[in-house]
Amino acid sequence: MTTGAPGRSPAEIRRDIEAKRLQLGGSVEALRTRVNELTDWRRQAEEHKQQLIVGAAAIGFAIGVRAMMRRRRNRA
């Protein structure tokens, strides 16, 4: 069977359409699963807990340094 070849029977065309429909359905389901995994913030936070802690510490340090610099500038 050649895809798109003239002279294919209606049964061959139906079979091809059904095969593509099943393949597309599987692809859509796989994509839906992957999107759900990637957008689940609780799961992402659990998987990347160490990075979140380090990031929060760095941001806290930066805020502290900035506050200290402002305090010094205001006293002068």
N, C-alpha and C. Protein backbone atom coordinates (compact mmCIF):
# COMPACT_ATOMS: atom_id res chain seq x y z
N MET A 1 0.85 -1.18 0.00
CA MET A 1 0.00 0.00 0.00
C MET A 1 0.89 1.24 0.00
N THR A 2 0.60 2.19 -0.85
CA THR A 2 1.34 3.43 -0.94
C THR A 2 0.43 4.57 -0.52
N THR A 3 0.88 5.35 0.43
CA THR A 3 0.05 6.45 0.91
C THR A 3 -0.11 7.49 -0.18
N GLY A 4 -1.32 7.89 -0.43
CA GLY A 4 -1.62 8.93 -1.40
C GLY A 4 -1.60 8.44 -2.85
N ALA A 5 -1.40 7.16 -3.05
CA ALA A 5 -1.35 6.63 -4.41
C ALA A 5 -2.76 6.59 -4.98
N PRO A 6 -2.91 7.00 -6.23
CA PRO A 6 -4.23 6.92 -6.85
C PRO A 6 -4.65 5.45 -6.99
N GLY A 7 -5.92 5.24 -6.95
CA GLY A 7 -6.42 3.88 -7.13
C GLY A 7 -6.54 3.09 -5.84
N ARG A 8 -6.34 3.72 -4.70
CA ARG A 8 -6.53 2.99 -3.44
C ARG A 8 -8.02 2.75 -3.25
N SER A 9 -8.31 1.67 -2.64
CA SER A 9 -9.72 1.34 -2.42
C SER A 9 -10.25 2.14 -1.22
N PRO A 10 -11.56 2.33 -1.16
CA PRO A 10 -12.14 3.01 0.00
C PRO A 10 -11.79 2.30 1.31
N ALA A 11 -11.69 1.00 1.30
CA ALA A 11 -11.35 0.26 2.52
C ALA A 11 -9.93 0.60 2.97
N GLU A 12 -9.01 0.73 2.02
CA GLU A 12 -7.63 1.09 2.37
C GLU A 12 -7.58 2.50 2.95
N ILE A 13 -8.32 3.39 2.36
CA ILE A 13 -8.35 4.78 2.84
C ILE A 13 -8.94 4.82 4.25
N ARG A 14 -10.03 4.09 4.48
CA ARG A 14 -10.64 4.05 5.82
C ARG A 14 -9.66 3.48 6.85
N ARG A 15 -8.95 2.42 6.46
CA ARG A 15 -7.96 1.80 7.35
C ARG A 15 -6.86 2.81 7.71
N ASP A 16 -6.38 3.54 6.69
CA ASP A 16 -5.35 4.54 6.93
C ASP A 16 -5.85 5.64 7.87
N ILE A 17 -7.07 6.09 7.63
CA ILE A 17 -7.65 7.14 8.47
C ILE A 17 -7.78 6.64 9.90
N GLU A 18 -8.26 5.44 10.09
CA GLU A 18 -8.42 4.90 11.44
C GLU A 18 -7.06 4.74 12.13
N ALA A 19 -6.06 4.29 11.40
CA ALA A 19 -4.71 4.14 11.97
C ALA A 19 -4.17 5.49 12.42
N LYS A 20 -4.34 6.51 11.59
CA LYS A 20 -3.89 7.86 11.94
C LYS A 20 -4.66 8.40 13.13
N ARG A 21 -5.96 8.12 13.19
CA ARG A 21 -6.79 8.58 14.30
C ARG A 21 -6.30 7.96 15.62
N LEU A 22 -6.01 6.67 15.59
CA LEU A 22 -5.50 6.00 16.80
C LEU A 22 -4.14 6.55 17.21
N GLN A 23 -3.28 6.78 16.22
CA GLN A 23 -1.96 7.33 16.50
C GLN A 23 -2.08 8.73 17.10
N LEU A 24 -2.94 9.54 16.53
CA LEU A 24 -3.15 10.89 17.03
C LEU A 24 -3.72 10.87 18.45
N GLY A 25 -4.67 9.97 18.70
CA GLY A 25 -5.23 9.86 20.04
C GLY A 25 -4.17 9.52 21.08
N GLY A 26 -3.27 8.61 20.74
CA GLY A 26 -2.17 8.27 21.65
C GLY A 26 -1.23 9.44 21.87
N SER A 27 -0.95 10.18 20.81
CA SER A 27 -0.07 11.35 20.92
C SER A 27 -0.70 12.43 21.81
N VAL A 28 -1.99 12.66 21.62
CA VAL A 28 -2.68 13.67 22.43
C VAL A 28 -2.68 13.26 23.90
N GLU A 29 -2.91 12.00 24.18
CA GLU A 29 -2.92 11.53 25.57
C GLU A 29 -1.54 11.67 26.20
N ALA A 30 -0.49 11.34 25.45
CA ALA A 30 0.88 11.48 25.95
C ALA A 30 1.19 12.95 26.23
N LEU A 31 0.75 13.82 25.34
CA LEU A 31 0.98 15.25 25.52
C LEU A 31 0.22 15.76 26.75
N ARG A 32 -1.01 15.32 26.91
CA ARG A 32 -1.81 15.74 28.07
C ARG A 32 -1.12 15.32 29.38
N THR A 33 -0.62 14.09 29.41
CA THR A 33 0.09 13.60 30.60
C THR A 33 1.32 14.44 30.89
N ARG A 34 2.09 14.73 29.86
CA ARG A 34 3.32 15.52 30.03
C ARG A 34 3.00 16.93 30.51
N VAL A 35 1.98 17.56 29.95
CA VAL A 35 1.59 18.91 30.37
C VAL A 35 1.16 18.90 31.83
N ASN A 36 0.39 17.89 32.23
CA ASN A 36 -0.03 17.79 33.63
C ASN A 36 1.17 17.65 34.56
N GLU A 37 2.16 16.87 34.15
CA GLU A 37 3.36 16.70 34.98
C GLU A 37 4.11 18.03 35.12
N LEU A 38 4.27 18.73 34.02
CA LEU A 38 5.06 19.96 34.03
C LEU A 38 4.36 21.12 34.72
N THR A 39 3.04 21.11 34.76
CA THR A 39 2.32 22.23 35.38
C THR A 39 1.89 21.94 36.81
N ASP A 40 2.24 20.79 37.33
CA ASP A 40 1.92 20.46 38.72
C ASP A 40 2.99 21.09 39.62
N TRP A 41 2.67 22.27 40.17
CA TRP A 41 3.68 23.02 40.92
C TRP A 41 4.09 22.31 42.20
N ARG A 42 3.19 21.56 42.80
CA ARG A 42 3.56 20.84 44.02
C ARG A 42 4.61 19.78 43.72
N ARG A 43 4.40 19.07 42.63
CA ARG A 43 5.36 18.03 42.23
C ARG A 43 6.70 18.66 41.85
N GLN A 44 6.64 19.77 41.12
CA GLN A 44 7.88 20.46 40.73
C GLN A 44 8.63 20.96 41.96
N ALA A 45 7.89 21.51 42.93
CA ALA A 45 8.54 22.00 44.15
C ALA A 45 9.19 20.85 44.91
N GLU A 46 8.54 19.72 44.98
CA GLU A 46 9.09 18.56 45.67
C GLU A 46 10.35 18.04 44.95
N GLU A 47 10.30 17.99 43.63
CA GLU A 47 11.44 17.49 42.86
C GLU A 47 12.63 18.43 42.88
N HIS A 48 12.38 19.73 43.06
CA HIS A 48 13.45 20.73 42.99
C HIS A 48 13.59 21.48 44.32
N LYS A 49 13.36 20.77 45.41
CA LYS A 49 13.38 21.39 46.74
C LYS A 49 14.73 22.05 47.04
N GLN A 50 15.81 21.37 46.74
CA GLN A 50 17.15 21.90 47.01
C GLN A 50 17.38 23.22 46.26
N GLN A 51 17.03 23.26 44.99
CA GLN A 51 17.21 24.48 44.20
C GLN A 51 16.35 25.62 44.74
N LEU A 52 15.15 25.31 45.18
CA LEU A 52 14.27 26.34 45.74
C LEU A 52 14.85 26.91 47.03
N ILE A 53 15.41 26.06 47.86
CA ILE A 53 16.01 26.51 49.12
C ILE A 53 17.21 27.41 48.83
N VAL A 54 18.06 27.00 47.92
CA VAL A 54 19.24 27.81 47.57
C VAL A 54 18.79 29.14 46.98
N GLY A 55 17.81 29.13 46.10
CA GLY A 55 17.32 30.37 45.50
C GLY A 55 16.71 31.30 46.53
N ALA A 56 15.93 30.75 47.44
CA ALA A 56 15.32 31.57 48.49
C ALA A 56 16.39 32.18 49.39
N ALA A 57 17.42 31.41 49.70
CA ALA A 57 18.52 31.93 50.53
C ALA A 57 19.26 33.05 49.81
N ALA A 58 19.51 32.87 48.53
CA ALA A 58 20.20 33.91 47.75
C ALA A 58 19.37 35.19 47.68
N ILE A 59 18.08 35.05 47.45
CA ILE A 59 17.21 36.23 47.39
C ILE A 59 17.15 36.92 48.75
N GLY A 60 17.04 36.13 49.82
CA GLY A 60 17.04 36.71 51.17
C GLY A 60 18.32 37.45 51.47
N PHE A 61 19.45 36.88 51.06
CA PHE A 61 20.74 37.53 51.26
C PHE A 61 20.79 38.85 50.49
N ALA A 62 20.34 38.84 49.24
CA ALA A 62 20.36 40.05 48.41
C ALA A 62 19.47 41.14 49.02
N ILE A 63 18.33 40.77 49.51
CA ILE A 63 17.43 41.75 50.14
C ILE A 63 18.07 42.31 51.40
N GLY A 64 18.70 41.45 52.18
CA GLY A 64 19.38 41.90 53.40
C GLY A 64 20.51 42.86 53.09
N VAL A 65 21.32 42.56 52.09
CA VAL A 65 22.43 43.45 51.71
C VAL A 65 21.88 44.79 51.25
N ARG A 66 20.84 44.75 50.46
CA ARG A 66 20.27 46.00 49.96
C ARG A 66 19.71 46.85 51.12
N ALA A 67 19.03 46.19 52.05
CA ALA A 67 18.49 46.92 53.20
C ALA A 67 19.62 47.53 54.03
N MET A 68 20.70 46.79 54.21
CA MET A 68 21.85 47.28 54.98
C MET A 68 22.48 48.49 54.27
N MET A 69 22.60 48.42 52.96
CA MET A 69 23.19 49.54 52.21
C MET A 69 22.30 50.77 52.30
N ARG A 70 21.00 50.60 52.25
CA ARG A 70 20.09 51.74 52.38
C ARG A 70 20.20 52.37 53.77
N ARG A 71 20.30 51.53 54.78
CA ARG A 71 20.39 52.03 56.15
C ARG A 71 21.68 52.84 56.31
N ARG A 72 22.77 52.35 55.77
CA ARG A 72 24.05 53.08 55.86
C ARG A 72 23.97 54.41 55.12
N ARG A 73 23.33 54.42 53.94
CA ARG A 73 23.22 55.63 53.14
C ARG A 73 22.33 56.64 53.86
N ASN A 74 21.28 56.20 54.50
CA ASN A 74 20.36 57.11 55.19
C ASN A 74 20.99 57.71 56.44
N ARG A 75 21.91 57.02 57.08
CA ARG A 75 22.58 57.53 58.29
C ARG A 75 23.62 58.60 57.93
N ALA A 76 24.17 58.51 56.76
CA ALA A 76 25.24 59.43 56.38
C ALA A 76 24.74 60.78 55.96
